[in-house]
Amino acid sequence: MNGFVKIATTDKLTPGKMITVKINNVEVVVGNNNGNYFAMEEICSHEGGPLHEGYFENSFVVCPWHAAKYDVKTGKADASTPWGKKQKIFQVKIEGNDILVKV
């Protein structure tokens, strides 16, 4: 599968939901933002918050600890949260009903 790992199925990761998975010893948050799937580093670059416990605000995932916002497509911190550093983004693809992530 060219480095991709199946982490869930689309019926289990409904819009607005995020999960955390470990792939090759890397903690990854995978989410469904209005039908758009993304994967990024799970641990917030600000102070280590668990991003999967956060929420979506438009195209950003918001950390539950200090409200750092990260773009789900680029991983960049929003200008309103300059203390956050860029989160690493991982490639996601959908094959049938399977959600695959490459770390």
Foldseek 3Di string as FASTA:
>chain_A
DVQKDWDDFDVVQDAWAWDWDADPNFIWIWHQHPNDIWIWGQFWQQHGAGQRPFTDDRQWRFGPPPGFTAGRVFQCTDPVRVSTHRIGTWDWDDDPGTIITHD
